[in-house]
Protein backbone atom coordinates (compact mmCIF):
# COMPACT_ATOMS: atom_id res chain seq x y z
CA MET A 1 -21.45 -1.12 26.12
CA LYS A 2 -19.03 -0.47 23.48
CA SER A 3 -15.66 1.35 24.52
CA SER A 4 -15.19 4.34 22.48
CA ILE A 5 -11.96 4.96 20.08
CA THR A 6 -10.41 8.19 21.02
CA GLY A 7 -8.38 9.60 18.16
CA ALA A 8 -8.05 8.47 14.46
CA VAL A 9 -7.32 4.90 13.68
CA SER A 10 -4.21 4.42 11.77
CA MET A 11 -3.10 1.29 9.50
CA ARG A 12 0.43 -0.27 9.62
CA ARG A 13 2.08 -3.27 8.80
CA ALA A 14 2.01 -5.81 11.50
CA THR A 15 5.78 -6.90 12.61
CA ALA A 16 6.69 -10.34 14.34
CA ALA A 17 6.34 -8.65 17.73
CA ASP A 18 2.76 -8.38 17.19
CA ALA A 19 2.23 -12.09 17.03
CA PRO A 20 1.21 -12.68 20.28
CA ARG A 21 -1.36 -9.78 20.41
CA LEU A 22 -2.87 -10.83 16.94
CA THR A 23 -2.81 -14.52 18.29
CA ARG A 24 -5.03 -13.22 21.68
CA LEU A 25 -7.37 -11.36 19.34
CA VAL A 26 -8.22 -14.46 17.11
CA ARG A 27 -8.48 -16.49 20.20
CA ARG A 28 -10.47 -14.38 22.41
CA SER A 29 -13.15 -13.40 19.66
CA ARG A 30 -16.81 -13.89 20.63
CA ALA A 31 -17.63 -14.56 17.09
CA TYR A 32 -15.84 -18.16 18.06
CA GLU A 33 -17.78 -19.16 21.12
CA GLY A 34 -19.58 -22.11 21.44
CA HIS A 35 -20.09 -24.17 18.08
CA TYR A 36 -17.23 -22.29 16.68
CA ALA A 37 -14.68 -22.44 19.55
CA SER A 38 -12.97 -25.30 18.04
CA MET A 39 -11.98 -23.44 15.28
CA VAL A 40 -9.55 -20.96 16.78
CA ALA A 41 -8.98 -23.09 20.42
CA GLY A 42 -5.21 -23.68 19.29
CA TYR A 43 -4.93 -21.05 16.35
CA ARG A 44 -1.69 -19.16 16.35
CA VAL A 45 -0.84 -16.11 14.27
CA GLY A 46 3.29 -16.52 14.15
CA PRO A 47 6.04 -14.47 13.48
CA ASP A 48 6.78 -16.31 10.33
CA TYR A 49 3.20 -15.84 9.00
CA ILE A 50 3.32 -12.35 9.67
CA GLU A 51 6.68 -11.80 7.86
CA THR A 52 5.44 -14.12 4.79
CA HIS A 53 2.40 -12.38 4.09
CA GLU A 54 0.76 -8.73 3.98
CA VAL A 55 -0.50 -8.48 7.60
CA TYR A 56 -1.64 -5.25 8.67
CA ALA A 57 -2.98 -3.75 11.84
CA ALA A 58 -5.44 -1.02 12.81
CA VAL A 59 -4.01 0.76 15.60
CA ALA A 60 -5.99 3.18 17.94
CA ALA A 61 -3.89 6.42 18.82
CA ASP A 62 -3.20 4.84 22.39
CA GLY A 63 -1.25 2.06 20.55
CA ARG A 64 -3.85 -0.72 21.03
CA ILE A 65 -4.35 -3.14 18.18
CA LEU A 66 -8.19 -2.82 17.31
CA GLY A 67 -8.23 -5.54 14.50
CA PHE A 68 -5.89 -6.80 11.60
CA TYR A 69 -6.23 -8.67 8.36
CA ALA A 70 -3.96 -10.93 6.46
CA LEU A 71 -3.84 -10.90 2.60
CA LEU A 72 -2.57 -14.00 1.03
CA VAL A 73 -1.06 -12.32 -2.25
CA GLU A 74 -0.01 -15.34 -4.30
CA GLN A 75 -3.39 -16.87 -3.57
CA ARG A 76 -5.38 -13.82 -3.90
CA GLU A 77 -7.11 -14.53 -0.71
CA LEU A 78 -8.03 -12.55 2.54
CA ASP A 79 -6.97 -15.10 5.06
CA LEU A 80 -7.80 -13.44 8.07
CA MET A 81 -9.67 -10.57 9.47
CA PHE A 82 -10.56 -9.73 12.87
CA VAL A 83 -11.77 -6.94 14.96
CA ALA A 84 -11.59 -6.72 18.75
CA ASP A 85 -14.84 -7.36 20.16
CA ASP A 86 -15.13 -3.86 21.84
CA ALA A 87 -14.19 -2.15 18.57
CA GLN A 88 -16.79 -3.95 16.46
CA GLY A 89 -19.44 -1.53 15.09
CA LEU A 90 -16.84 1.35 15.40
CA GLY A 91 -15.88 1.46 11.63
CA VAL A 92 -12.59 -0.47 12.31
CA GLY A 93 -13.75 -3.47 9.96
CA ARG A 94 -14.55 -1.27 7.04
CA THR A 95 -11.28 0.51 7.58
CA LEU A 96 -9.63 -2.85 7.46
CA ALA A 97 -11.46 -4.05 4.63
CA ALA A 98 -10.64 -0.85 2.39
CA HIS A 99 -7.06 -0.98 3.25
CA MET A 100 -7.12 -4.62 2.16
CA LYS A 101 -8.44 -3.63 -1.20
CA GLN A 102 -6.30 -0.91 -1.75
CA THR A 103 -3.32 -3.62 -0.74
CA ALA A 104 -4.41 -5.92 -3.36
CA ARG A 105 -5.11 -3.47 -6.33
CA ALA A 106 -1.34 -2.46 -5.65
CA ALA A 107 -0.10 -5.82 -5.96
CA GLY A 108 -1.96 -6.35 -9.44
CA ILE A 109 -4.83 -8.31 -7.93
CA GLY A 110 -8.19 -8.15 -9.79
CA ARG A 111 -10.39 -10.28 -7.12
CA VAL A 112 -9.80 -11.32 -3.57
CA ARG A 113 -11.53 -14.56 -2.37
CA VAL A 114 -12.26 -14.77 1.16
CA VAL A 115 -13.64 -18.13 2.68
CA SER A 116 -15.97 -16.49 5.56
CA HIS A 117 -16.91 -17.46 9.00
CA PRO A 118 -20.41 -17.82 8.62
CA PRO A 119 -21.63 -15.16 10.91
CA ALA A 120 -19.16 -12.65 9.33
CA GLU A 121 -20.88 -13.11 6.04
CA GLY A 122 -23.14 -9.98 6.05
CA PHE A 123 -20.15 -7.91 6.85
CA TYR A 124 -18.31 -8.98 4.05
CA LEU A 125 -21.15 -8.38 1.66
CA SER A 126 -21.76 -4.77 3.16
CA VAL A 127 -18.35 -3.87 1.80
CA GLY A 128 -18.39 -5.23 -1.42
CA ALA A 129 -17.97 -8.54 -1.65
CA GLU A 130 -20.02 -11.02 -3.47
CA ARG A 131 -21.07 -14.66 -2.59
CA VAL A 132 -19.98 -16.92 -4.95
CA GLY A 133 -20.38 -20.28 -3.50
CA THR A 134 -19.97 -22.34 -0.04
CA VAL A 135 -17.06 -24.16 1.00
CA ARG A 136 -18.21 -27.69 2.38
CA ALA A 137 -17.08 -28.78 5.61
CA ALA A 138 -13.96 -30.63 6.03
CA PRO A 139 -14.14 -32.61 9.19
CA PRO A 140 -12.12 -32.74 11.53
CA ALA A 141 -10.56 -29.25 10.98
CA VAL A 142 -13.88 -27.52 10.03
CA LEU A 143 -16.92 -29.02 10.83
CA TRP A 144 -19.40 -26.17 9.11
CA ASP A 145 -19.78 -24.91 5.67
CA ARG A 146 -18.75 -21.80 4.86
CA PRO A 147 -19.63 -19.13 2.34
CA GLU A 148 -17.16 -18.77 -0.51
CA LEU A 149 -17.22 -14.60 -1.51
CA GLU A 150 -14.90 -12.56 -3.50
CA PHE A 151 -14.14 -9.11 -3.75
CA PRO A 152 -14.06 -7.62 -7.27
CA LEU A 153 -11.36 -5.08 -7.55
CA THR A 154 -11.58 -3.94 -10.99
CA GLY A 155 -13.78 -1.79 -13.07
């Protein structure tokens, strides 16, 4: 059963102090269980990463981080987007995607690339991304092909 989110979800810039919480959110994601577990087993969202990139968190009224995204402005790429398992299906991902697009537009970006976790492709398509190709597996780091998508932000 999904927990409810009481109060409004707000967006804020992530800080270096959020690094452990963001790392736990990635490592505990049910989307990366089983076959995909190796991808996040040792993954770390470090303070330096947060300070270098556009990393924003969706936060519940009680201060709990419900999800986050990381936009690499120079590369014009959405590098990470995660929603806590118990917050999925409650609109948090849509809030993150809308905020990411707004942040990208403000940075003068016309298209944002995302190499998607295969099970997340449907979500990205539902929030405006378009499939543009496939990124082939690159063992040993990535053992499966991944959908390549883009968010068109102009027009």
